[in-house]
C-alpha atoms as a PDB file:
ATOM      1  CA  MET A   1     108.433 -29.208 -13.169  1.00  0.00           C
ATOM      2  CA  THR A   2     111.971 -28.044 -12.430  1.00  0.00           C
ATOM      3  CA  GLN A   3     111.072 -24.474 -13.384  1.00  0.00           C
ATOM      4  CA  ILE A   4     108.098 -24.521 -11.023  1.00  0.00           C
ATOM      5  CA  ILE A   5     110.258 -25.776  -8.146  1.00  0.00           C
ATOM      6  CA  GLU A   6     112.895 -23.120  -8.821  1.00  0.00           C
ATOM      7  CA  TRP A   7     110.202 -20.443  -8.937  1.00  0.00           C
ATOM      8  CA  LEU A   8     108.770 -21.674  -5.624  1.00  0.00           C
ATOM      9  CA  LYS A   9     112.241 -21.586  -4.030  1.00  0.00           C
ATOM     10  CA  THR A  10     112.686 -17.938  -4.984  1.00  0.00           C
ATOM     11  CA  HIS A  11     109.174 -16.888  -3.965  1.00  0.00           C
ATOM     12  CA  LEU A  12     108.788 -18.323  -0.446  1.00  0.00           C
ATOM     13  CA  LEU A  13     106.417 -16.391   1.775  1.00  0.00           C
ATOM     14  CA  THR A  14     107.877 -14.743   4.857  1.00  0.00           C
ATOM     15  CA  CYS A  15     106.416 -15.874   8.168  1.00  0.00           C
ATOM     16  CA  PRO A  16     104.990 -12.814   9.980  1.00  0.00           C
ATOM     17  CA  SER A  17     105.711 -14.391  13.375  1.00  0.00           C
ATOM     18  CA  LYS A  18     109.339 -14.958  12.487  1.00  0.00           C
ATOM     19  CA  ARG A  19     109.699 -11.558  10.855  1.00  0.00           C
ATOM     20  CA  PHE A  20     108.192  -9.441  13.625  1.00  0.00           C
ATOM     21  CA  PHE A  21     108.759 -11.522  16.763  1.00  0.00           C
ATOM     22  CA  HIS A  22     111.766 -13.631  15.691  1.00  0.00           C
ATOM     23  CA  LEU A  23     109.907 -16.819  16.705  1.00  0.00           C
ATOM     24  CA  ASP A  24     108.906 -19.762  14.579  1.00  0.00           C
ATOM     25  CA  CYS A  25     105.199 -20.414  14.272  1.00  0.00           C
ATOM     26  CA  PRO A  26     103.670 -23.919  14.175  1.00  0.00           C
ATOM     27  CA  GLY A  27     103.695 -23.739  10.367  1.00  0.00           C
ATOM     28  CA  CYS A  28     107.332 -22.727   9.879  1.00  0.00           C
ATOM     29  CA  GLY A  29     109.064 -25.185   7.588  1.00  0.00           C
ATOM     30  CA  LEU A  30     105.968 -26.229   5.645  1.00  0.00           C
ATOM     31  CA  GLN A  31     106.913 -24.433   2.426  1.00  0.00           C
ATOM     32  CA  ARG A  32     110.426 -25.860   2.381  1.00  0.00           C
ATOM     33  CA  SER A  33     109.037 -29.295   3.235  1.00  0.00           C
ATOM     34  CA  VAL A  34     106.594 -29.214   0.310  1.00  0.00           C
ATOM     35  CA  ILE A  35     109.384 -28.156  -2.048  1.00  0.00           C
ATOM     36  CA  ALA A  36     111.565 -31.032  -0.787  1.00  0.00           C
ATOM     37  CA  LEU A  37     108.635 -33.395  -1.361  1.00  0.00           C
ATOM     38  CA  PHE A  38     108.199 -32.075  -4.932  1.00  0.00           C
ATOM     39  CA  GLU A  39     111.916 -32.680  -5.483  1.00  0.00           C
ATOM     40  CA  GLY A  40     111.437 -36.280  -4.346  1.00  0.00           C
ATOM     41  CA  ASP A  41     113.416 -35.934  -1.116  1.00  0.00           C
ATOM     42  CA  LEU A  42     110.989 -37.600   1.296  1.00  0.00           C
ATOM     43  CA  VAL A  43     113.440 -37.797   4.217  1.00  0.00           C
ATOM     44  CA  ARG A  44     114.303 -34.105   4.058  1.00  0.00           C
ATOM     45  CA  SER A  45     110.625 -33.225   3.727  1.00  0.00           C
ATOM     46  CA  VAL A  46     109.780 -35.124   6.928  1.00  0.00           C
ATOM     47  CA  GLN A  47     112.761 -33.608   8.732  1.00  0.00           C
ATOM     48  CA  LEU A  48     111.689 -30.082   7.815  1.00  0.00           C
ATOM     49  CA  TYR A  49     108.016 -30.521   8.722  1.00  0.00           C
ATOM     50  CA  PRO A  50     106.739 -33.968   9.743  1.00  0.00           C
ATOM     51  CA  ALA A  51     103.067 -33.094   9.239  1.00  0.00           C
ATOM     52  CA  THR A  52     103.399 -32.287   5.517  1.00  0.00           C
ATOM     53  CA  ILE A  53     102.304 -35.667   4.185  1.00  0.00           C
ATOM     54  CA  PRO A  54      99.355 -36.087   6.603  1.00  0.00           C
ATOM     55  CA  LEU A  55      98.320 -32.497   5.860  1.00  0.00           C
ATOM     56  CA  LEU A  56      98.429 -33.041   2.101  1.00  0.00           C
ATOM     57  CA  PHE A  57      96.529 -36.325   2.507  1.00  0.00           C
ATOM     58  CA  THR A  58      93.851 -34.567   4.556  1.00  0.00           C
ATOM     59  CA  LEU A  59      93.419 -31.759   2.048  1.00  0.00           C
ATOM     60  CA  ILE A  60      93.355 -34.047  -0.998  1.00  0.00           C
ATOM     61  CA  PHE A  61      91.031 -36.572   0.650  1.00  0.00           C
ATOM     62  CA  THR A  62      88.676 -33.777   1.757  1.00  0.00           C
ATOM     63  CA  ALA A  63      88.489 -32.436  -1.799  1.00  0.00           C
ATOM     64  CA  LEU A  64      87.839 -35.935  -3.172  1.00  0.00           C
ATOM     65  CA  HIS A  65      85.195 -36.594  -0.525  1.00  0.00           C
ATOM     66  CA  LEU A  66      83.385 -33.378  -1.443  1.00  0.00           C
ATOM     67  CA  LYS A  67      83.293 -34.571  -5.065  1.00  0.00           C
ATOM     68  CA  PHE A  68      82.580 -38.304  -4.622  1.00  0.00           C
ATOM     69  CA  LYS A  69      80.923 -38.568  -1.157  1.00  0.00           C
ATOM     70  CA  PHE A  70      82.776 -41.620   0.193  1.00  0.00           C
ATOM     71  CA  LYS A  71      80.804 -43.830   2.577  1.00  0.00           C
ATOM     72  CA  HIS A  72      83.052 -43.273   5.620  1.00  0.00           C
ATOM     73  CA  GLY A  73      84.691 -40.117   4.276  1.00  0.00           C
ATOM     74  CA  ALA A  74      83.569 -37.805   7.066  1.00  0.00           C
ATOM     75  CA  ALA A  75      85.021 -40.074   9.761  1.00  0.00           C
ATOM     76  CA  ILE A  76      88.303 -40.437   7.856  1.00  0.00           C
ATOM     77  CA  ILE A  77      88.527 -36.666   7.458  1.00  0.00           C
ATOM     78  CA  GLN A  78      87.816 -36.137  11.149  1.00  0.00           C
ATOM     79  CA  TRP A  79      90.532 -38.558  12.235  1.00  0.00           C
ATOM     80  CA  SER A  80      93.034 -37.275   9.704  1.00  0.00           C
ATOM     81  CA  TYR A  81      92.503 -33.724  10.988  1.00  0.00           C
ATOM     82  CA  ILE A  82      93.032 -34.918  14.554  1.00  0.00           C
ATOM     83  CA  VAL A  83      96.239 -36.751  13.601  1.00  0.00           C
ATOM     84  CA  THR A  84      97.534 -33.836  11.531  1.00  0.00           C
ATOM     85  CA  VAL A  85      96.865 -31.178  14.178  1.00  0.00           C
ATOM     86  CA  SER A  86      98.365 -33.433  16.860  1.00  0.00           C
ATOM     87  CA  MET A  87     101.518 -33.859  14.792  1.00  0.00           C
ATOM     88  CA  ILE A  88     101.790 -30.106  14.242  1.00  0.00           C
ATOM     89  CA  VAL A  89     101.411 -29.348  17.964  1.00  0.00           C
ATOM     90  CA  ILE A  90     103.779 -32.125  19.095  1.00  0.00           C
ATOM     91  CA  PHE A  91     106.453 -31.107  16.589  1.00  0.00           C
ATOM     92  CA  TYR A  92     106.129 -27.432  17.570  1.00  0.00           C
ATOM     93  CA  PHE A  93     106.591 -28.192  21.261  1.00  0.00           C
ATOM     94  CA  TYR A  94     109.512 -30.481  20.380  1.00  0.00           C
ATOM     95  CA  LYS A  95     111.155 -27.580  18.523  1.00  0.00           C
ATOM     96  CA  ILE A  96     110.562 -25.271  21.480  1.00  0.00           C
ATOM     97  CA  PHE A  97     111.887 -27.626  24.157  1.00  0.00           C
ATOM     98  CA  THR A  98     114.917 -28.809  22.175  1.00  0.00           C
ATOM     99  CA  HIS A  99     115.740 -25.252  21.166  1.00  0.00           C
ATOM    100  CA  LYS A 100     115.679 -26.183  17.513  1.00  0.00           C
ATOM    101  CA  LEU A 101     113.746 -23.101  16.487  1.00  0.00           C
ATOM    102  CA  ILE A 102     115.159 -21.999  13.172  1.00  0.00           C
END
């Protein structure tokens, strides 16, 4: 697992928005947050990108629902998408207004 994490650290994708316009996009920080989560550093992961855990939950639950067809799965997916997108938007505006764009 350590080799995978080290490989991920050296092969991060460059954000086109940051590269060409020098502005963070709403997804900036996600890669580093996932790596921190894989390393077991939950606090750092949330600090880097608060929507990482809800986003991962949404994606994993959606995949499981497609396989197993949970009774209330569609409603859970709908609400988890709403929560996740809301967190992404709120955090992005927070970064803009507090001038914490990286």
